[in-house]
Amino acid sequence: MKNSFNFIKKSIFQSIFIGNILFVSLFIPTSINCMQLASGSEDGTVKIWNLATGKIIKSLSQILSQKKISWVLSVAFSPDGNTLVPTSSEGKIKIWNTHNWKCIKTLNHKGWVLSVAFSPDGKFLVSTSSEGKIKIWNTTNWEDSKTLTQEEGGWVRSVAFSPDGKFLASGSNSSIEIWNVNTWKCIKILTPEYNIYSVVFSPDGSTLVSSSDQGKIKIWDTNNWKLIKAFKGHNSTIYSVIFHQEGKIIASVARDDDYKANLYGHYTVKIWDTNNWKLIKTLTQNGDAYSVAFSPDGKKLASGFNPNVKIWDTSDWKLIKTFKGHKDMIKSIVFMPYSKKILSEKIIENQKNKTKHTLILK
């Protein structure tokens, strides 16, 4: 009992009396020492990294039965961190159990599966393809419950849920479509006039940010879906934009060729202040860059400067680590959400004032 209460002191817990039973529930957030990062590459693998040590925890293969390498184009963790979903250039979506790293299901999709996202409650998985289709998967049985067609057509390169789970935004060659999640009906079509590569909602859900192949970043008001601001963020295609958890900054990653300076194949990550949309910092290394991700605690930024993963400190934007292990371009990077193990302790007092202790780990 002494050890269990010492454990309680180091954790966040809730307790409640029901009759003569005290229920104590502890929520133990994952520490930095076991924070994990997943990266998907054109080498056909997904690497799971320990953020503290930079070591590969697991390497998952997307190589098909014909021994043909399938590019990993997008990677997503479920909100509870129990499931990892990489997509491929061969129309396959693999569902991995993160506790034992077993593949529990393979889903089929026509065309390249370009993007994947979980709903905030984890009930749905949404995938998009080069065929212009958006598939809604029920995560209880992994069945295809709905297929949506982007009205404007073209490759659907990005998809994102609003934080409250009420809306789904999808970006294609010529439009951003907003879907009502309750009905799966398109309620609004935004026409940025350029090929859309990334869409993301702010943490408070008040804005939607999109990026294009023209180096433009656009900010939309989700109350009326009107354009608030548009600016030139990069010289060429912006492959990804992402919000910091506090919503005060965003990171964008793009190809930034400078033809006047004869600078070609130059990729940068830029950090923007969302209060005034001014540039805070530009990060660059050798290699192509397509994806960025903030750690759950917001203290780190991960980017893929191929074929390596770069880790940056968000307090001063200094490069602090380089993870090596991939053999080709990294297309997607994502952090595992903070997993919360729930430990319940029931303290039961009987009529003779004796106490029984039962620990239950969920």
Protein backbone atom coordinates (compact mmCIF):
# COMPACT_ATOMS: atom_id res chain seq x y z
CA MET A 1 0.00 0.00 0.00
CA LYS A 2 2.88 2.36 0.81
CA ASN A 3 4.33 1.93 -2.66
CA SER A 4 0.97 2.50 -4.32
CA PHE A 5 0.45 5.80 -2.48
CA ASN A 6 3.97 6.93 -3.33
CA PHE A 7 2.95 6.23 -6.91
CA ILE A 8 -0.20 8.32 -6.41
CA LYS A 9 1.83 11.30 -5.20
CA LYS A 10 3.75 11.37 -8.47
CA SER A 11 0.62 11.17 -10.63
CA ILE A 12 -2.53 13.06 -11.40
CA PHE A 13 -5.44 11.29 -9.74
CA GLN A 14 -9.15 11.54 -9.02
CA SER A 15 -11.00 9.83 -6.21
CA ILE A 16 -14.61 9.35 -5.20
CA PHE A 17 -16.43 7.62 -2.33
CA ILE A 18 -19.43 5.45 -3.22
CA GLY A 19 -20.83 4.13 0.04
CA ASN A 20 -17.86 2.67 1.86
CA ILE A 21 -15.78 2.21 -1.28
CA LEU A 22 -13.13 4.68 -2.32
CA PHE A 23 -12.32 4.60 -6.01
CA VAL A 24 -9.01 6.16 -7.00
CA SER A 25 -8.16 6.66 -10.69
CA LEU A 26 -4.69 7.70 -11.73
CA PHE A 27 -3.74 9.20 -15.04
CA ILE A 28 -0.07 8.73 -15.81
CA PRO A 29 1.06 10.85 -18.77
CA THR A 30 3.82 9.50 -20.97
CA SER A 31 7.18 11.03 -20.14
CA ILE A 32 9.71 12.42 -22.58
CA ASN A 33 11.76 9.25 -22.08
CA CYS A 34 9.14 7.14 -23.83
CA MET A 35 7.76 9.71 -26.28
CA GLN A 36 7.59 8.13 -29.71
CA LEU A 37 7.71 9.42 -33.26
CA ALA A 38 6.71 7.65 -36.48
CA SER A 39 8.12 8.46 -39.91
CA GLY A 40 6.97 7.02 -43.24
CA SER A 41 9.29 6.87 -46.23
CA GLU A 42 9.52 6.03 -49.90
CA ASP A 43 11.84 3.21 -48.83
CA GLY A 44 8.65 1.30 -47.95
CA THR A 45 9.05 1.42 -44.18
CA VAL A 46 7.62 3.17 -41.16
CA LYS A 47 10.19 3.76 -38.43
CA ILE A 48 9.14 4.15 -34.80
CA TRP A 49 11.67 6.27 -32.89
CA ASN A 50 12.37 6.88 -29.23
CA LEU A 51 12.57 10.66 -29.06
CA ALA A 52 14.96 10.71 -26.11
CA THR A 53 17.53 8.27 -27.51
CA GLY A 54 16.99 8.57 -31.26
CA LYS A 55 16.95 4.79 -31.52
CA ILE A 56 14.57 2.85 -33.75
CA ILE A 57 12.03 1.00 -31.61
CA LYS A 58 10.42 -0.78 -34.54
CA SER A 59 10.57 -0.82 -38.34
CA LEU A 60 7.33 -1.73 -40.10
CA SER A 61 7.43 -2.86 -43.72
CA GLN A 62 5.05 -1.87 -46.50
CA ILE A 63 6.66 -4.29 -48.97
CA LEU A 64 3.96 -6.23 -50.79
CA SER A 65 3.84 -9.96 -51.46
CA GLN A 66 5.42 -9.39 -54.87
CA LYS A 67 8.38 -7.85 -53.05
CA LYS A 68 7.51 -4.52 -54.63
CA ILE A 69 8.24 -1.53 -52.44
CA SER A 70 5.17 0.53 -51.67
CA TRP A 71 5.87 4.15 -50.77
CA VAL A 72 4.52 5.27 -47.41
CA LEU A 73 2.69 8.53 -48.16
CA SER A 74 0.92 9.35 -44.89
CA VAL A 75 0.99 8.15 -41.28
CA ALA A 76 -1.48 8.74 -38.43
CA PHE A 77 -1.88 7.59 -34.84
CA SER A 78 -5.32 7.08 -33.32
CA PRO A 79 -6.17 9.62 -30.58
CA ASP A 80 -5.54 7.02 -27.85
CA GLY A 81 -2.22 5.99 -29.41
CA ASN A 82 -3.26 2.34 -29.63
CA THR A 83 -3.29 2.22 -33.42
CA LEU A 84 -0.90 3.35 -36.15
CA VAL A 85 -2.10 3.72 -39.73
CA PRO A 86 0.32 4.20 -42.67
CA THR A 87 -0.95 4.59 -46.22
CA SER A 88 0.73 3.53 -49.42
CA SER A 89 1.18 4.19 -53.13
CA GLU A 90 -0.31 0.75 -53.85
CA GLY A 91 -3.78 1.49 -52.49
CA LYS A 92 -3.21 -0.27 -49.17
CA ILE A 93 -3.86 0.98 -45.65
CA LYS A 94 -2.36 -1.13 -42.88
CA ILE A 95 -3.71 -1.03 -39.33
CA TRP A 96 -1.03 -1.72 -36.70
CA ASN A 97 -1.50 -2.43 -33.00
CA THR A 98 1.07 -0.25 -31.21
CA HIS A 99 1.29 -2.56 -28.19
CA ASN A 100 2.68 -5.56 -30.05
CA TRP A 101 3.27 -4.00 -33.52
CA LYS A 102 1.11 -6.62 -35.21
CA CYS A 103 -0.81 -5.76 -38.37
CA ILE A 104 -4.44 -6.39 -37.48
CA LYS A 105 -6.08 -5.34 -40.75
CA THR A 106 -5.31 -4.26 -44.31
CA LEU A 107 -7.79 -1.92 -46.02
CA ASN A 108 -8.04 -1.50 -49.79
CA HIS A 109 -8.28 1.81 -51.59
CA LYS A 110 -8.07 2.58 -55.31
CA GLY A 111 -5.14 4.71 -56.37
CA TRP A 112 -2.45 6.22 -54.18
CA VAL A 113 -3.67 6.75 -50.62
CA LEU A 114 -2.45 10.30 -50.12
CA SER A 115 -3.75 11.26 -46.68
CA VAL A 116 -5.31 9.71 -43.59
CA ALA A 117 -6.81 11.15 -40.39
CA PHE A 118 -8.71 9.94 -37.32
CA SER A 119 -11.76 11.73 -35.96
CA PRO A 120 -11.10 13.30 -32.51
CA ASP A 121 -13.18 10.60 -30.80
CA GLY A 122 -11.37 7.85 -32.72
CA LYS A 123 -14.59 6.37 -34.14
CA PHE A 124 -13.74 7.11 -37.76
CA LEU A 125 -10.70 6.87 -39.98
CA VAL A 126 -10.76 8.95 -43.16
CA SER A 127 -8.52 8.24 -46.14
CA THR A 128 -8.12 10.10 -49.43
CA SER A 129 -6.75 9.06 -52.78
CA SER A 130 -5.48 10.05 -56.20
CA GLU A 131 -8.83 8.84 -57.55
CA GLY A 132 -10.61 11.78 -55.94
CA LYS A 133 -12.37 9.57 -53.39
CA ILE A 134 -12.68 10.02 -49.63
CA LYS A 135 -13.39 6.88 -47.65
CA ILE A 136 -14.87 6.79 -44.16
CA TRP A 137 -13.92 3.71 -42.14
CA ASN A 138 -15.63 2.60 -38.94
CA THR A 139 -12.81 1.81 -36.50
CA THR A 140 -14.87 -0.71 -34.49
CA ASN A 141 -14.84 -3.20 -37.38
CA TRP A 142 -12.71 -1.37 -39.99
CA GLU A 143 -15.50 -1.52 -42.55
CA ASP A 144 -15.94 1.06 -45.30
CA SER A 145 -19.06 2.86 -44.07
CA LYS A 146 -19.13 5.71 -46.59
CA THR A 147 -17.41 6.94 -49.75
CA LEU A 148 -17.41 10.64 -50.60
CA THR A 149 -16.54 12.14 -53.97
CA GLN A 150 -14.77 15.48 -54.17
CA GLU A 151 -17.12 17.47 -56.40
CA GLU A 152 -14.33 19.44 -58.03
CA GLY A 153 -12.37 16.23 -58.69
CA GLY A 154 -8.63 15.63 -58.74
CA TRP A 155 -6.22 14.22 -56.21
CA VAL A 156 -7.38 14.69 -52.61
CA ARG A 157 -4.01 15.32 -50.97
CA SER A 158 -5.05 16.35 -47.47
CA VAL A 159 -7.85 15.82 -44.98
CA ALA A 160 -8.43 17.14 -41.44
CA PHE A 161 -11.14 17.03 -38.77
CA SER A 162 -12.13 20.09 -36.78
CA PRO A 163 -11.21 19.76 -33.07
CA ASP A 164 -14.86 19.30 -32.07
CA GLY A 165 -15.30 16.59 -34.71
CA LYS A 166 -18.21 18.35 -36.42
CA PHE A 167 -16.48 19.15 -39.71
CA LEU A 168 -14.12 17.47 -42.12
CA ALA A 169 -12.01 19.51 -44.54
CA SER A 170 -10.54 17.95 -47.68
CA GLY A 171 -8.17 19.61 -50.13
CA SER A 172 -7.86 18.64 -53.79
CA ASN A 173 -6.49 19.96 -57.08
CA SER A 174 -8.84 22.89 -57.25
CA SER A 175 -10.90 23.20 -54.08
CA ILE A 176 -11.34 22.73 -50.35
CA GLU A 177 -14.57 21.01 -49.44
CA ILE A 178 -16.16 21.21 -45.99
CA TRP A 179 -18.22 18.22 -44.89
CA ASN A 180 -20.77 17.87 -42.09
CA VAL A 181 -19.64 14.80 -40.17
CA ASN A 182 -23.16 13.95 -38.94
CA THR A 183 -24.57 13.71 -42.46
CA TRP A 184 -21.36 13.45 -44.53
CA LYS A 185 -22.83 16.12 -46.82
CA CYS A 186 -20.68 18.82 -48.39
CA ILE A 187 -21.79 22.14 -46.89
CA LYS A 188 -19.23 24.47 -48.45
CA ILE A 189 -16.75 24.57 -51.32
CA LEU A 190 -13.80 26.94 -50.99
CA THR A 191 -11.95 27.79 -54.20
CA PRO A 192 -8.39 28.93 -53.50
CA GLU A 193 -7.59 28.69 -57.26
CA TYR A 194 -4.49 26.58 -56.69
CA ASN A 195 -3.72 22.91 -56.06
CA ILE A 196 -4.18 22.28 -52.33
CA TYR A 197 -1.53 20.25 -50.56
CA SER A 198 -2.45 20.69 -46.90
CA VAL A 199 -5.40 21.70 -44.72
CA VAL A 200 -5.39 22.04 -40.93
CA PHE A 201 -7.73 23.45 -38.28
CA SER A 202 -6.50 25.66 -35.46
CA PRO A 203 -6.64 24.05 -31.98
CA ASP A 204 -9.67 26.17 -31.05
CA GLY A 205 -11.37 25.41 -34.35
CA SER A 206 -11.86 29.06 -35.26
CA THR A 207 -9.71 29.00 -38.39
CA LEU A 208 -8.72 26.67 -41.20
CA VAL A 209 -5.31 27.05 -42.82
CA SER A 210 -4.54 25.77 -46.31
CA SER A 211 -1.38 25.63 -48.43
CA SER A 212 -0.91 25.32 -52.17
CA ASP A 213 1.53 24.56 -54.97
CA GLN A 214 1.94 28.31 -55.55
CA GLY A 215 3.59 28.92 -52.18
CA LYS A 216 0.43 30.53 -50.80
CA ILE A 217 -0.91 30.16 -47.26
CA LYS A 218 -4.57 31.04 -46.76
CA ILE A 219 -6.51 31.48 -43.52
CA TRP A 220 -10.26 30.86 -43.44
CA ASP A 221 -12.83 31.82 -40.78
CA THR A 222 -14.77 28.66 -39.84
CA ASN A 223 -17.78 30.65 -38.64
CA ASN A 224 -18.64 31.80 -42.16
CA TRP A 225 -15.92 30.07 -44.23
CA LYS A 226 -14.72 33.40 -45.58
CA LEU A 227 -11.09 34.11 -46.42
CA ILE A 228 -9.40 36.16 -43.67
CA LYS A 229 -5.90 36.42 -45.06
CA ALA A 230 -3.66 35.13 -47.84
CA PHE A 231 0.09 35.57 -48.20
CA LYS A 232 3.07 34.21 -50.07
CA GLY A 233 4.86 31.97 -47.60
CA HIS A 234 7.29 30.12 -49.85
CA ASN A 235 8.56 30.23 -53.42
CA SER A 236 6.98 26.94 -54.46
CA THR A 237 4.79 24.05 -53.26
CA ILE A 238 3.99 24.06 -49.54
CA TYR A 239 3.62 20.37 -48.73
CA SER A 240 2.43 20.66 -45.16
CA VAL A 241 1.23 23.15 -42.57
CA ILE A 242 0.64 22.36 -38.91
CA PHE A 243 -0.43 24.24 -35.79
CA HIS A 244 1.42 24.22 -32.49
CA GLN A 245 -0.83 22.93 -29.69
CA GLU A 246 -1.26 26.42 -28.23
CA GLY A 247 -2.27 27.82 -31.60
CA LYS A 248 0.17 30.73 -31.43
CA ILE A 249 2.41 29.52 -34.24
CA ILE A 250 2.28 27.33 -37.33
CA ALA A 251 5.03 25.52 -39.18
CA SER A 252 5.09 25.17 -42.96
CA VAL A 253 7.42 23.05 -45.08
CA ALA A 254 8.10 23.67 -48.76
CA ARG A 255 10.44 23.67 -51.67
CA ASP A 256 11.99 27.13 -51.76
CA ASP A 257 13.95 27.33 -54.98
CA ASP A 258 15.50 30.73 -55.61
CA TYR A 259 16.03 30.99 -59.35
CA LYS A 260 17.68 34.39 -59.13
CA ALA A 261 20.31 32.96 -56.81
CA ASN A 262 20.55 29.71 -58.84
CA LEU A 263 19.38 27.83 -55.77
CA TYR A 264 17.51 24.67 -56.75
CA GLY A 265 16.20 21.75 -54.71
CA HIS A 266 16.22 23.98 -51.63
CA TYR A 267 13.70 23.06 -48.90
CA THR A 268 12.80 25.05 -45.79
CA VAL A 269 10.61 24.88 -42.70
CA LYS A 270 9.17 28.25 -41.72
CA ILE A 271 7.66 29.25 -38.38
CA TRP A 272 4.85 31.84 -38.44
CA ASP A 273 3.24 33.94 -35.69
CA THR A 274 -0.55 33.47 -35.95
CA ASN A 275 -1.27 36.82 -34.30
CA ASN A 276 0.16 38.83 -37.19
CA TRP A 277 1.25 36.07 -39.60
CA LYS A 278 4.82 37.36 -39.57
CA LEU A 279 7.77 35.04 -40.14
CA ILE A 280 9.54 34.07 -36.91
CA LYS A 281 12.20 31.65 -38.11
CA THR A 282 13.41 29.74 -41.16
CA LEU A 283 14.91 26.28 -40.65
CA THR A 284 16.88 24.49 -43.32
CA GLN A 285 19.15 21.48 -43.79
CA ASN A 286 20.35 19.41 -46.73
CA GLY A 287 17.75 17.21 -48.40
CA ASP A 288 14.10 17.30 -49.43
CA ALA A 289 11.46 18.10 -46.79
CA TYR A 290 7.78 17.20 -46.96
CA SER A 291 6.42 16.87 -43.44
CA VAL A 292 6.63 18.47 -39.98
CA ALA A 293 5.11 17.65 -36.58
CA PHE A 294 5.09 19.20 -33.12
CA SER A 295 5.61 16.94 -30.10
CA PRO A 296 2.61 16.52 -27.74
CA ASP A 297 4.21 18.83 -25.15
CA GLY A 298 5.00 21.41 -27.86
CA LYS A 299 8.69 21.53 -26.93
CA LYS A 300 10.02 19.81 -30.06
CA LEU A 301 9.49 20.08 -33.79
CA ALA A 302 10.29 17.13 -36.04
CA SER A 303 10.97 17.52 -39.74
CA GLY A 304 12.17 15.22 -42.45
CA PHE A 305 15.21 16.52 -44.31
CA ASN A 306 15.72 13.40 -46.36
CA PRO A 307 16.64 10.79 -45.59
CA ASN A 308 16.96 11.85 -41.95
CA VAL A 309 14.62 13.06 -39.23
CA LYS A 310 15.61 16.37 -37.66
CA ILE A 311 14.52 17.38 -34.15
CA TRP A 312 14.38 21.09 -33.27
CA ASP A 313 13.96 22.79 -29.90
CA THR A 314 10.95 25.15 -30.13
CA SER A 315 12.32 27.47 -27.42
CA ASP A 316 15.24 28.67 -29.57
CA TRP A 317 14.71 26.73 -32.85
CA LYS A 318 18.11 25.07 -32.61
CA LEU A 319 18.71 21.67 -34.16
CA ILE A 320 19.28 19.23 -31.31
CA LYS A 321 19.10 15.75 -32.87
CA THR A 322 19.33 13.89 -36.17
CA PHE A 323 17.79 10.43 -36.53
CA LYS A 324 19.27 8.23 -39.26
CA GLY A 325 17.69 5.03 -40.53
CA HIS A 326 15.65 5.62 -43.68
CA LYS A 327 17.09 4.99 -47.12
CA ASP A 328 14.80 7.26 -49.12
CA MET A 329 12.61 10.36 -48.85
CA ILE A 330 10.50 10.81 -45.73
CA LYS A 331 6.93 11.67 -46.72
CA SER A 332 5.18 11.81 -43.35
CA ILE A 333 6.08 12.41 -39.69
CA VAL A 334 3.77 12.15 -36.69
CA PHE A 335 4.16 11.94 -32.92
CA MET A 336 2.32 9.37 -30.86
CA PRO A 337 -0.26 11.14 -28.65
CA TYR A 338 0.32 11.07 -24.93
CA SER A 339 -0.86 7.63 -23.91
CA LYS A 340 -2.63 7.60 -20.56
CA LYS A 341 -2.55 4.42 -18.57
CA ILE A 342 -5.41 4.36 -16.13
CA LEU A 343 -4.71 2.72 -12.80
CA SER A 344 -7.70 2.26 -10.53
CA GLU A 345 -7.38 1.37 -6.89
CA LYS A 346 -10.43 0.22 -4.93
CA ILE A 347 -10.12 0.56 -1.17
CA ILE A 348 -12.91 -1.49 0.40
CA GLU A 349 -13.66 -1.32 4.10
CA ASN A 350 -15.64 -4.18 5.61
CA GLN A 351 -17.73 -4.18 8.79
CA LYS A 352 -14.77 -5.14 10.96
CA ASN A 353 -12.81 -2.13 9.73
CA LYS A 354 -10.45 -4.29 7.74
CA THR A 355 -9.30 -2.98 4.38
CA LYS A 356 -8.83 -4.81 1.11
CA HIS A 357 -6.78 -3.19 -1.68
CA THR A 358 -7.24 -4.10 -5.30
CA LEU A 359 -5.16 -2.54 -8.12
CA ILE A 360 -6.60 -2.64 -11.61
CA LEU A 361 -4.54 -1.53 -14.60
CA LYS A 362 -6.64 -0.61 -17.62
